[in-house]
Amino acid sequence: MDQSKINIQQKFPVRFTKVSGAGNDFILFDTFNHLIPFFEEDTIQKLCERGNGIGADGILILSPSSIADFQLKYFNADGTSGMLCANGARCAIIYARKFFDIKETKISIECCGQVFYGEILDENNIKFKLNDVTITEFTNIIVNNAELNLFFVNTGAPHTVIPFEMLKTLGLAEGTFDDFHLDKTGTEIRNHPAFEPNGTNVNVIEFNETEVKIRSFEKGVEKETLACGTGIAAAAIYLAKVHNYRSPIEIIPKSGKKFIVEFDKNENKFENIHLTGEAKIIYYGEIVEKLFCR
């Protein structure tokens, strides 16, 4: 049935599911089993607003696909879309396995005009395969009169990766890795003219022989999030390219939930990139008529 022809009164209450990919949280809508109204940009912003809305880093909409097990559309908290969200995809897989008639542990997803694949390892751990990465580069930019040499890579979304030590040396970060104020520097880099018109996500890493930690500022959310899947993959590629790290690489985001990144490296080409981490359903809820939606 064409949802556009259904009277708006028939669409409420709107059922949703709150999901989390290692702290990266989303509001998930399932169009297989429930009717939903069309969400405009301002509605998405209201839904994702913490304190006054449901609160989330973004919105996931699952719908039927002719080429995969389901189609996923992702919206950032500011209402923008068009990028891959690896943590969102992993959360969608957890939901699909529970509520769709999918018996296999390997699941296909149509997203951004492509087909991606994920695998259910156990009740809460999902492995997700990203596209191969063939272009990596460094970009020099000036921030607060300091010259930053940033590693830039697109892992389904554009990312810069910066060692925390560099920020400290240049006076762009105060305190320790765990407590420095990322949002200020993250905003300046995210909106730098070098990354126009689409901007970039900003990832700061601290690493030694035994541990790799990451903090991520996500564009579209416009602040630090507890985890960013494509950012974690970008950090792993940086470590492999610049510091000769070998697959698999364990990386710990702000949430403290461990991720594992696996890949095959052939000079500047990275293939078979897989991201594994926690994904879970947090709760179910309903949106009442006229509370958010027009």
C-alpha atoms as a PDB file:
ATOM      1  CA  MET A   1       0.000   0.000   0.000  1.00  0.00           C
ATOM      2  CA  ASP A   2       1.192   3.506  -0.851  1.00  0.00           C
ATOM      3  CA  GLN A   3       1.858   5.157   2.507  1.00  0.00           C
ATOM      4  CA  SER A   4       1.436   8.623   0.959  1.00  0.00           C
ATOM      5  CA  LYS A   5      -2.260   7.833   0.415  1.00  0.00           C
ATOM      6  CA  ILE A   6      -2.909   6.784   4.001  1.00  0.00           C
ATOM      7  CA  ASN A   7      -4.679   9.374   6.131  1.00  0.00           C
ATOM      8  CA  ILE A   8      -2.320  10.940   8.662  1.00  0.00           C
ATOM      9  CA  GLN A   9      -4.719   9.972  11.468  1.00  0.00           C
ATOM     10  CA  GLN A  10      -4.042   6.296  10.716  1.00  0.00           C
ATOM     11  CA  LYS A  11      -0.299   6.664  11.300  1.00  0.00           C
ATOM     12  CA  PHE A  12      -0.325   7.470  15.014  1.00  0.00           C
ATOM     13  CA  PRO A  13       0.956   6.398  17.432  1.00  0.00           C
ATOM     14  CA  VAL A  14       4.274   5.935  15.614  1.00  0.00           C
ATOM     15  CA  ARG A  15       6.263   3.039  17.021  1.00  0.00           C
ATOM     16  CA  PHE A  16      10.039   3.284  17.278  1.00  0.00           C
ATOM     17  CA  THR A  17      12.954   1.358  18.742  1.00  0.00           C
ATOM     18  CA  LYS A  18      15.922   2.945  20.513  1.00  0.00           C
ATOM     19  CA  VAL A  19      19.157   1.154  19.592  1.00  0.00           C
ATOM     20  CA  SER A  20      22.816   1.631  20.451  1.00  0.00           C
ATOM     21  CA  GLY A  21      26.053   0.731  18.693  1.00  0.00           C
ATOM     22  CA  ALA A  22      28.532   0.807  21.581  1.00  0.00           C
ATOM     23  CA  GLY A  23      27.073   4.115  22.778  1.00  0.00           C
ATOM     24  CA  ASN A  24      26.353   5.589  19.324  1.00  0.00           C
ATOM     25  CA  ASP A  25      22.545   5.752  19.692  1.00  0.00           C
ATOM     26  CA  PHE A  26      19.746   5.899  17.147  1.00  0.00           C
ATOM     27  CA  ILE A  27      15.970   6.037  16.811  1.00  0.00           C
ATOM     28  CA  LEU A  28      14.921   3.194  14.504  1.00  0.00           C
ATOM     29  CA  PHE A  29      11.701   3.131  12.477  1.00  0.00           C
ATOM     30  CA  ASP A  30      10.526  -0.097  10.843  1.00  0.00           C
ATOM     31  CA  THR A  31       8.339   0.456   7.763  1.00  0.00           C
ATOM     32  CA  PHE A  32       7.942  -3.306   7.254  1.00  0.00           C
ATOM     33  CA  ASN A  33       5.669  -3.645  10.255  1.00  0.00           C
ATOM     34  CA  HIS A  34       4.541  -0.095  11.073  1.00  0.00           C
ATOM     35  CA  LEU A  35       3.276   2.955   9.237  1.00  0.00           C
ATOM     36  CA  ILE A  36       5.303   6.121   9.700  1.00  0.00           C
ATOM     37  CA  PRO A  37       4.696   9.708   8.554  1.00  0.00           C
ATOM     38  CA  PHE A  38       7.243  11.515   6.408  1.00  0.00           C
ATOM     39  CA  PHE A  39       9.867  13.047   8.666  1.00  0.00           C
ATOM     40  CA  GLU A  40      11.084  16.461   7.557  1.00  0.00           C
ATOM     41  CA  GLU A  41      14.427  17.911   8.623  1.00  0.00           C
ATOM     42  CA  ASP A  42      13.047  19.932  11.539  1.00  0.00           C
ATOM     43  CA  THR A  43      11.139  16.897  12.815  1.00  0.00           C
ATOM     44  CA  ILE A  44      14.305  14.789  12.807  1.00  0.00           C
ATOM     45  CA  GLN A  45      16.081  17.519  14.766  1.00  0.00           C
ATOM     46  CA  LYS A  46      13.294  17.569  17.364  1.00  0.00           C
ATOM     47  CA  LEU A  47      13.255  13.790  17.708  1.00  0.00           C
ATOM     48  CA  CYS A  48      17.034  13.632  18.199  1.00  0.00           C
ATOM     49  CA  GLU A  49      17.223  16.556  20.622  1.00  0.00           C
ATOM     50  CA  ARG A  50      18.329  15.368  24.046  1.00  0.00           C
ATOM     51  CA  GLY A  51      16.231  16.635  26.914  1.00  0.00           C
ATOM     52  CA  ASN A  52      13.212  17.681  24.848  1.00  0.00           C
ATOM     53  CA  GLY A  53      12.995  14.866  22.293  1.00  0.00           C
ATOM     54  CA  ILE A  54      13.734  11.153  22.387  1.00  0.00           C
ATOM     55  CA  GLY A  55      17.427  11.974  22.073  1.00  0.00           C
ATOM     56  CA  ALA A  56      19.828  10.302  19.625  1.00  0.00           C
ATOM     57  CA  ASP A  57      22.815  10.750  17.328  1.00  0.00           C
ATOM     58  CA  GLY A  58      20.641   9.926  14.332  1.00  0.00           C
ATOM     59  CA  ILE A  59      17.632   8.176  12.838  1.00  0.00           C
ATOM     60  CA  LEU A  60      17.463   4.821  11.030  1.00  0.00           C
ATOM     61  CA  ILE A  61      14.586   3.940   8.687  1.00  0.00           C
ATOM     62  CA  LEU A  62      14.287   0.308   7.558  1.00  0.00           C
ATOM     63  CA  SER A  63      12.233  -0.541   4.484  1.00  0.00           C
ATOM     64  CA  PRO A  64      11.920  -3.339   1.902  1.00  0.00           C
ATOM     65  CA  SER A  65      14.620  -3.840  -0.746  1.00  0.00           C
ATOM     66  CA  SER A  66      14.609  -5.758  -4.029  1.00  0.00           C
ATOM     67  CA  ILE A  67      18.378  -6.404  -3.879  1.00  0.00           C
ATOM     68  CA  ALA A  68      19.075  -7.019  -0.171  1.00  0.00           C
ATOM     69  CA  ASP A  69      17.407  -8.252   3.003  1.00  0.00           C
ATOM     70  CA  PHE A  70      16.316  -4.690   3.735  1.00  0.00           C
ATOM     71  CA  GLN A  71      17.045  -1.076   2.859  1.00  0.00           C
ATOM     72  CA  LEU A  72      18.523   1.329   5.398  1.00  0.00           C
ATOM     73  CA  LYS A  73      18.311   5.092   5.274  1.00  0.00           C
ATOM     74  CA  TYR A  74      20.277   7.070   7.839  1.00  0.00           C
ATOM     75  CA  PHE A  75      19.723  10.658   8.959  1.00  0.00           C
ATOM     76  CA  ASN A  76      22.107  12.626  11.154  1.00  0.00           C
ATOM     77  CA  ALA A  77      20.689  14.427  14.170  1.00  0.00           C
ATOM     78  CA  ASP A  78      20.603  17.662  12.131  1.00  0.00           C
ATOM     79  CA  GLY A  79      18.431  16.019   9.450  1.00  0.00           C
ATOM     80  CA  THR A  80      21.129  15.563   6.801  1.00  0.00           C
ATOM     81  CA  SER A  81      21.690  12.209   5.098  1.00  0.00           C
ATOM     82  CA  GLY A  82      23.615  10.501   2.310  1.00  0.00           C
ATOM     83  CA  MET A  83      26.457   8.902   4.286  1.00  0.00           C
ATOM     84  CA  LEU A  84      27.128   5.403   5.506  1.00  0.00           C
ATOM     85  CA  CYS A  85      26.762   4.891   9.247  1.00  0.00           C
ATOM     86  CA  ALA A  86      28.518   1.658  10.225  1.00  0.00           C
ATOM     87  CA  ASN A  87      27.226   1.626  13.793  1.00  0.00           C
ATOM     88  CA  GLY A  88      23.712   2.374  12.563  1.00  0.00           C
ATOM     89  CA  ALA A  89      23.969  -0.512  10.107  1.00  0.00           C
ATOM     90  CA  ARG A  90      25.107  -2.857  12.856  1.00  0.00           C
ATOM     91  CA  CYS A  91      22.151  -1.801  15.015  1.00  0.00           C
ATOM     92  CA  ALA A  92      19.780  -2.329  12.084  1.00  0.00           C
ATOM     93  CA  ILE A  93      21.110  -5.880  11.700  1.00  0.00           C
ATOM     94  CA  ILE A  94      20.379  -6.673  15.365  1.00  0.00           C
ATOM     95  CA  TYR A  95      16.830  -5.379  14.900  1.00  0.00           C
ATOM     96  CA  ALA A  96      16.270  -7.181  11.581  1.00  0.00           C
ATOM     97  CA  ARG A  97      17.370 -10.527  12.964  1.00  0.00           C
ATOM     98  CA  LYS A  98      14.864 -10.199  15.809  1.00  0.00           C
ATOM     99  CA  PHE A  99      11.835  -8.939  13.888  1.00  0.00           C
ATOM    100  CA  PHE A 100      12.241  -9.930  10.224  1.00  0.00           C
ATOM    101  CA  ASP A 101      12.036 -13.449   8.854  1.00  0.00           C
ATOM    102  CA  ILE A 102      15.807 -13.794   8.429  1.00  0.00           C
ATOM    103  CA  LYS A 103      17.296 -17.107   9.526  1.00  0.00           C
ATOM    104  CA  GLU A 104      20.856 -16.618   8.307  1.00  0.00           C
ATOM    105  CA  THR A 105      23.601 -15.058  10.418  1.00  0.00           C
ATOM    106  CA  LYS A 106      24.840 -13.104   7.394  1.00  0.00           C
ATOM    107  CA  ILE A 107      22.584 -10.225   6.381  1.00  0.00           C
ATOM    108  CA  SER A 108      22.643  -7.872   3.384  1.00  0.00           C
ATOM    109  CA  ILE A 109      21.743  -4.183   3.552  1.00  0.00           C
ATOM    110  CA  GLU A 110      20.968  -1.744   0.751  1.00  0.00           C
ATOM    111  CA  CYS A 111      22.333   1.654   1.739  1.00  0.00           C
ATOM    112  CA  CYS A 112      23.547   4.703  -0.208  1.00  0.00           C
ATOM    113  CA  GLY A 113      22.874   2.908  -3.506  1.00  0.00           C
ATOM    114  CA  GLN A 114      25.098  -0.044  -2.600  1.00  0.00           C
ATOM    115  CA  VAL A 115      24.796  -3.419  -0.893  1.00  0.00           C
ATOM    116  CA  PHE A 116      26.701  -3.993   2.344  1.00  0.00           C
ATOM    117  CA  TYR A 117      26.990  -7.140   4.436  1.00  0.00           C
ATOM    118  CA  GLY A 118      26.983  -7.851   8.130  1.00  0.00           C
ATOM    119  CA  GLU A 119      27.351 -10.960  10.246  1.00  0.00           C
ATOM    120  CA  ILE A 120      25.805 -11.766  13.622  1.00  0.00           C
ATOM    121  CA  LEU A 121      28.559 -13.237  15.794  1.00  0.00           C
ATOM    122  CA  ASP A 122      26.475 -13.545  18.964  1.00  0.00           C
ATOM    123  CA  GLU A 123      23.554 -11.859  20.715  1.00  0.00           C
ATOM    124  CA  ASN A 124      25.167  -8.403  20.889  1.00  0.00           C
ATOM    125  CA  ASN A 125      28.212  -8.459  18.586  1.00  0.00           C
ATOM    126  CA  ILE A 126      27.945  -7.617  14.898  1.00  0.00           C
ATOM    127  CA  LYS A 127      30.677  -7.682  12.254  1.00  0.00           C
ATOM    128  CA  PHE A 128      30.095  -5.234   9.382  1.00  0.00           C
ATOM    129  CA  LYS A 129      31.983  -5.091   6.083  1.00  0.00           C
ATOM    130  CA  LEU A 130      32.896  -1.648   4.735  1.00  0.00           C
ATOM    131  CA  ASN A 131      33.899  -0.739   1.198  1.00  0.00           C
ATOM    132  CA  ASP A 132      37.521  -1.034   0.109  1.00  0.00           C
ATOM    133  CA  VAL A 133      39.585   2.117   0.583  1.00  0.00           C
ATOM    134  CA  THR A 134      42.013   3.074  -2.167  1.00  0.00           C
ATOM    135  CA  ILE A 135      42.636   6.772  -1.599  1.00  0.00           C
ATOM    136  CA  THR A 136      44.365   8.063   1.505  1.00  0.00           C
ATOM    137  CA  GLU A 137      46.127  11.400   1.850  1.00  0.00           C
ATOM    138  CA  PHE A 138      47.398  14.044   4.236  1.00  0.00           C
ATOM    139  CA  THR A 139      46.046  17.572   4.368  1.00  0.00           C
ATOM    140  CA  ASN A 140      47.766  20.605   5.908  1.00  0.00           C
ATOM    141  CA  ILE A 141      45.440  23.179   7.451  1.00  0.00           C
ATOM    142  CA  ILE A 142      45.848  26.186   9.756  1.00  0.00           C
ATOM    143  CA  VAL A 143      43.827  26.167  12.975  1.00  0.00           C
ATOM    144  CA  ASN A 144      44.350  28.984  15.507  1.00  0.00           C
ATOM    145  CA  ASN A 145      47.658  29.882  13.818  1.00  0.00           C
ATOM    146  CA  ALA A 146      48.911  26.294  14.179  1.00  0.00           C
ATOM    147  CA  GLU A 147      49.626  24.086  11.174  1.00  0.00           C
ATOM    148  CA  LEU A 148      48.002  20.683  11.435  1.00  0.00           C
ATOM    149  CA  ASN A 149      49.001  17.744   9.264  1.00  0.00           C
ATOM    150  CA  LEU A 150      45.814  15.671   9.082  1.00  0.00           C
ATOM    151  CA  PHE A 151      45.265  12.200   7.697  1.00  0.00           C
ATOM    152  CA  PHE A 152      42.110  12.166   5.566  1.00  0.00           C
ATOM    153  CA  VAL A 153      40.269   9.052   4.414  1.00  0.00           C
ATOM    154  CA  ASN A 154      36.727   8.225   3.294  1.00  0.00           C
ATOM    155  CA  THR A 155      35.432   4.990   4.827  1.00  0.00           C
ATOM    156  CA  GLY A 156      31.843   5.572   3.706  1.00  0.00           C
ATOM    157  CA  ALA A 157      31.937   8.983   5.385  1.00  0.00           C
ATOM    158  CA  PRO A 158      34.769  11.549   5.291  1.00  0.00           C
ATOM    159  CA  HIS A 159      37.166  11.417   8.243  1.00  0.00           C
ATOM    160  CA  THR A 160      40.286  13.117   9.493  1.00  0.00           C
ATOM    161  CA  VAL A 161      42.533  11.335  11.997  1.00  0.00           C
ATOM    162  CA  ILE A 162      44.854  13.279  14.324  1.00  0.00           C
ATOM    163  CA  PRO A 163      47.216  12.011  17.049  1.00  0.00           C
ATOM    164  CA  PHE A 164      46.429  13.638  20.399  1.00  0.00           C
ATOM    165  CA  GLU A 165      50.141  14.284  20.864  1.00  0.00           C
ATOM    166  CA  MET A 166      50.060  16.617  17.844  1.00  0.00           C
ATOM    167  CA  LEU A 167      47.190  18.657  19.284  1.00  0.00           C
ATOM    168  CA  LYS A 168      49.009  18.960  22.622  1.00  0.00           C
ATOM    169  CA  THR A 169      52.274  20.009  20.970  1.00  0.00           C
ATOM    170  CA  LEU A 170      50.523  22.724  18.957  1.00  0.00           C
ATOM    171  CA  GLY A 171      48.588  24.021  21.952  1.00  0.00           C
ATOM    172  CA  LEU A 172      45.210  22.948  20.555  1.00  0.00           C
ATOM    173  CA  ALA A 173      44.344  20.651  23.465  1.00  0.00           C
ATOM    174  CA  GLU A 174      44.674  21.049  27.217  1.00  0.00           C
ATOM    175  CA  GLY A 175      44.562  18.319  29.829  1.00  0.00           C
ATOM    176  CA  THR A 176      44.647  14.580  29.228  1.00  0.00           C
ATOM    177  CA  PHE A 177      43.293  12.615  26.296  1.00  0.00           C
ATOM    178  CA  ASP A 178      40.258  11.553  28.312  1.00  0.00           C
ATOM    179  CA  ASP A 179      39.220  15.037  29.441  1.00  0.00           C
ATOM    180  CA  PHE A 180      40.308  17.584  26.813  1.00  0.00           C
ATOM    181  CA  HIS A 181      37.545  19.621  25.127  1.00  0.00           C
ATOM    182  CA  LEU A 182      37.130  18.022  21.690  1.00  0.00           C
ATOM    183  CA  ASP A 183      34.061  19.932  20.512  1.00  0.00           C
ATOM    184  CA  LYS A 184      35.852  23.264  20.064  1.00  0.00           C
ATOM    185  CA  THR A 185      38.752  21.974  17.953  1.00  0.00           C
ATOM    186  CA  GLY A 186      36.464  19.451  16.276  1.00  0.00           C
ATOM    187  CA  THR A 187      34.106  22.207  15.111  1.00  0.00           C
ATOM    188  CA  GLU A 188      36.966  24.292  13.703  1.00  0.00           C
ATOM    189  CA  ILE A 189      38.398  21.381  11.712  1.00  0.00           C
ATOM    190  CA  ARG A 190      34.991  20.070  10.622  1.00  0.00           C
ATOM    191  CA  ASN A 191      34.119  23.479   9.113  1.00  0.00           C
ATOM    192  CA  HIS A 192      37.555  24.296   7.701  1.00  0.00           C
ATOM    193  CA  PRO A 193      37.519  25.558   4.069  1.00  0.00           C
ATOM    194  CA  ALA A 194      39.851  22.688   3.095  1.00  0.00           C
ATOM    195  CA  PHE A 195      36.935  20.277   3.541  1.00  0.00           C
ATOM    196  CA  GLU A 196      34.196  22.272   1.833  1.00  0.00           C
ATOM    197  CA  PRO A 197      31.487  21.798   0.799  1.00  0.00           C
ATOM    198  CA  ASN A 198      30.650  18.685   2.816  1.00  0.00           C
ATOM    199  CA  GLY A 199      32.951  19.005   5.814  1.00  0.00           C
ATOM    200  CA  THR A 200      34.675  16.182   7.658  1.00  0.00           C
ATOM    201  CA  ASN A 201      34.352  14.093  10.793  1.00  0.00           C
ATOM    202  CA  VAL A 202      37.213  14.565  13.251  1.00  0.00           C
ATOM    203  CA  ASN A 203      38.893  11.719  15.149  1.00  0.00           C
ATOM    204  CA  VAL A 204      41.639  12.142  17.738  1.00  0.00           C
ATOM    205  CA  ILE A 205      43.598   9.072  18.791  1.00  0.00           C
ATOM    206  CA  GLU A 206      46.031   8.160  21.545  1.00  0.00           C
ATOM    207  CA  PHE A 207      47.998   4.978  21.096  1.00  0.00           C
ATOM    208  CA  ASN A 208      50.890   2.960  22.469  1.00  0.00           C
ATOM    209  CA  GLU A 209      52.087  -0.628  22.257  1.00  0.00           C
ATOM    210  CA  THR A 210      49.204  -1.994  24.295  1.00  0.00           C
ATOM    211  CA  GLU A 211      46.176   0.242  23.647  1.00  0.00           C
ATOM    212  CA  VAL A 212      44.506   2.485  21.065  1.00  0.00           C
ATOM    213  CA  LYS A 213      41.860   4.994  22.180  1.00  0.00           C
ATOM    214  CA  ILE A 214      39.754   7.288  20.017  1.00  0.00           C
ATOM    215  CA  ARG A 215      37.447  10.260  20.482  1.00  0.00           C
ATOM    216  CA  SER A 216      35.200  11.312  17.593  1.00  0.00           C
ATOM    217  CA  PHE A 217      33.470  14.561  16.634  1.00  0.00           C
ATOM    218  CA  GLU A 218      30.733  13.778  14.114  1.00  0.00           C
ATOM    219  CA  LYS A 219      29.451  16.213  11.545  1.00  0.00           C
ATOM    220  CA  GLY A 220      25.692  16.136  11.313  1.00  0.00           C
ATOM    221  CA  VAL A 221      25.588  15.561  15.057  1.00  0.00           C
ATOM    222  CA  GLU A 222      27.941  18.546  15.479  1.00  0.00           C
ATOM    223  CA  LYS A 223      29.467  17.301  18.695  1.00  0.00           C
ATOM    224  CA  GLU A 224      31.428  14.413  20.146  1.00  0.00           C
ATOM    225  CA  THR A 225      29.698  11.041  20.165  1.00  0.00           C
ATOM    226  CA  LEU A 226      30.460   8.008  22.300  1.00  0.00           C
ATOM    227  CA  ALA A 227      31.520   5.966  19.256  1.00  0.00           C
ATOM    228  CA  CYS A 228      31.779   6.346  15.471  1.00  0.00           C
ATOM    229  CA  GLY A 229      32.148   3.173  13.414  1.00  0.00           C
ATOM    230  CA  THR A 230      33.484   4.647  10.177  1.00  0.00           C
ATOM    231  CA  GLY A 231      35.787   6.865  12.265  1.00  0.00           C
ATOM    232  CA  ILE A 232      37.194   3.842  14.085  1.00  0.00           C
ATOM    233  CA  ALA A 233      37.843   2.175  10.718  1.00  0.00           C
ATOM    234  CA  ALA A 234      39.592   5.363   9.524  1.00  0.00           C
ATOM    235  CA  ALA A 235      41.802   5.336  12.629  1.00  0.00           C
ATOM    236  CA  ALA A 236      42.775   1.718  11.983  1.00  0.00           C
ATOM    237  CA  ILE A 237      43.736   2.563   8.398  1.00  0.00           C
ATOM    238  CA  TYR A 238      45.846   5.478   9.651  1.00  0.00           C
ATOM    239  CA  LEU A 239      47.649   3.243  12.145  1.00  0.00           C
ATOM    240  CA  ALA A 240      48.322   0.613   9.486  1.00  0.00           C
ATOM    241  CA  LYS A 241      49.525   3.108   6.884  1.00  0.00           C
ATOM    242  CA  VAL A 242      51.618   5.376   9.103  1.00  0.00           C
ATOM    243  CA  HIS A 243      52.661   3.227  12.049  1.00  0.00           C
ATOM    244  CA  ASN A 244      52.675  -0.253  10.481  1.00  0.00           C
ATOM    245  CA  TYR A 245      49.968  -1.697  12.732  1.00  0.00           C
ATOM    246  CA  ARG A 246      48.742  -5.084  11.555  1.00  0.00           C
ATOM    247  CA  SER A 247      45.231  -6.448  11.395  1.00  0.00           C
ATOM    248  CA  PRO A 248      43.316  -6.973  13.638  1.00  0.00           C
ATOM    249  CA  ILE A 249      43.456  -3.685  15.565  1.00  0.00           C
ATOM    250  CA  GLU A 250      41.525  -3.155  18.791  1.00  0.00           C
ATOM    251  CA  ILE A 251      40.278   0.393  19.353  1.00  0.00           C
ATOM    252  CA  ILE A 252      38.414   1.805  22.356  1.00  0.00           C
ATOM    253  CA  PRO A 253      36.068   4.804  21.833  1.00  0.00           C
ATOM    254  CA  LYS A 254      34.707   7.263  24.411  1.00  0.00           C
ATOM    255  CA  SER A 255      32.076   4.739  25.539  1.00  0.00           C
ATOM    256  CA  GLY A 256      34.772   2.271  26.594  1.00  0.00           C
ATOM    257  CA  LYS A 257      33.245  -0.467  24.400  1.00  0.00           C
ATOM    258  CA  LYS A 258      35.961  -2.265  22.429  1.00  0.00           C
ATOM    259  CA  PHE A 259      35.912  -2.478  18.615  1.00  0.00           C
ATOM    260  CA  ILE A 260      37.961  -4.759  16.397  1.00  0.00           C
ATOM    261  CA  VAL A 261      38.959  -3.663  12.883  1.00  0.00           C
ATOM    262  CA  GLU A 262      40.217  -6.273  10.410  1.00  0.00           C
ATOM    263  CA  PHE A 263      41.548  -5.614   6.911  1.00  0.00           C
ATOM    264  CA  ASP A 264      43.891  -6.708   4.143  1.00  0.00           C
ATOM    265  CA  LYS A 265      46.541  -4.147   3.201  1.00  0.00           C
ATOM    266  CA  ASN A 266      48.178  -3.987  -0.220  1.00  0.00           C
ATOM    267  CA  GLU A 267      50.379  -0.881  -0.326  1.00  0.00           C
ATOM    268  CA  ASN A 268      47.853   2.007  -0.334  1.00  0.00           C
ATOM    269  CA  LYS A 269      44.828  -0.208  -0.869  1.00  0.00           C
ATOM    270  CA  PHE A 270      42.807  -1.536   2.054  1.00  0.00           C
ATOM    271  CA  GLU A 271      40.402  -4.390   1.319  1.00  0.00           C
ATOM    272  CA  ASN A 272      38.032  -6.639   3.285  1.00  0.00           C
ATOM    273  CA  ILE A 273      37.624  -4.017   6.007  1.00  0.00           C
ATOM    274  CA  HIS A 274      35.464  -5.383   8.814  1.00  0.00           C
ATOM    275  CA  LEU A 275      34.255  -3.585  11.928  1.00  0.00           C
ATOM    276  CA  THR A 276      33.136  -5.649  14.929  1.00  0.00           C
ATOM    277  CA  GLY A 277      31.542  -4.291  18.086  1.00  0.00           C
ATOM    278  CA  GLU A 278      28.531  -4.238  20.361  1.00  0.00           C
ATOM    279  CA  ALA A 279      25.039  -3.413  19.079  1.00  0.00           C
ATOM    280  CA  LYS A 280      21.843  -3.752  21.066  1.00  0.00           C
ATOM    281  CA  ILE A 281      18.212  -2.775  21.424  1.00  0.00           C
ATOM    282  CA  ILE A 282      17.670  -0.438  24.387  1.00  0.00           C
ATOM    283  CA  TYR A 283      13.900   0.076  24.492  1.00  0.00           C
ATOM    284  CA  TYR A 284      10.679   0.404  22.486  1.00  0.00           C
ATOM    285  CA  GLY A 285       8.422   3.448  22.425  1.00  0.00           C
ATOM    286  CA  GLU A 286       5.643   5.365  20.698  1.00  0.00           C
ATOM    287  CA  ILE A 287       5.334   8.921  19.381  1.00  0.00           C
ATOM    288  CA  VAL A 288       1.882  10.362  20.043  1.00  0.00           C
ATOM    289  CA  GLU A 289      -0.075  12.380  17.500  1.00  0.00           C
ATOM    290  CA  LYS A 290       1.145  15.935  16.843  1.00  0.00           C
ATOM    291  CA  LEU A 291       3.901  15.738  19.454  1.00  0.00           C
ATOM    292  CA  PHE A 292       6.616  15.917  16.795  1.00  0.00           C
ATOM    293  CA  CYS A 293       5.174  15.045  13.396  1.00  0.00           C
ATOM    294  CA  ARG A 294       3.160  17.303  11.137  1.00  0.00           C
END
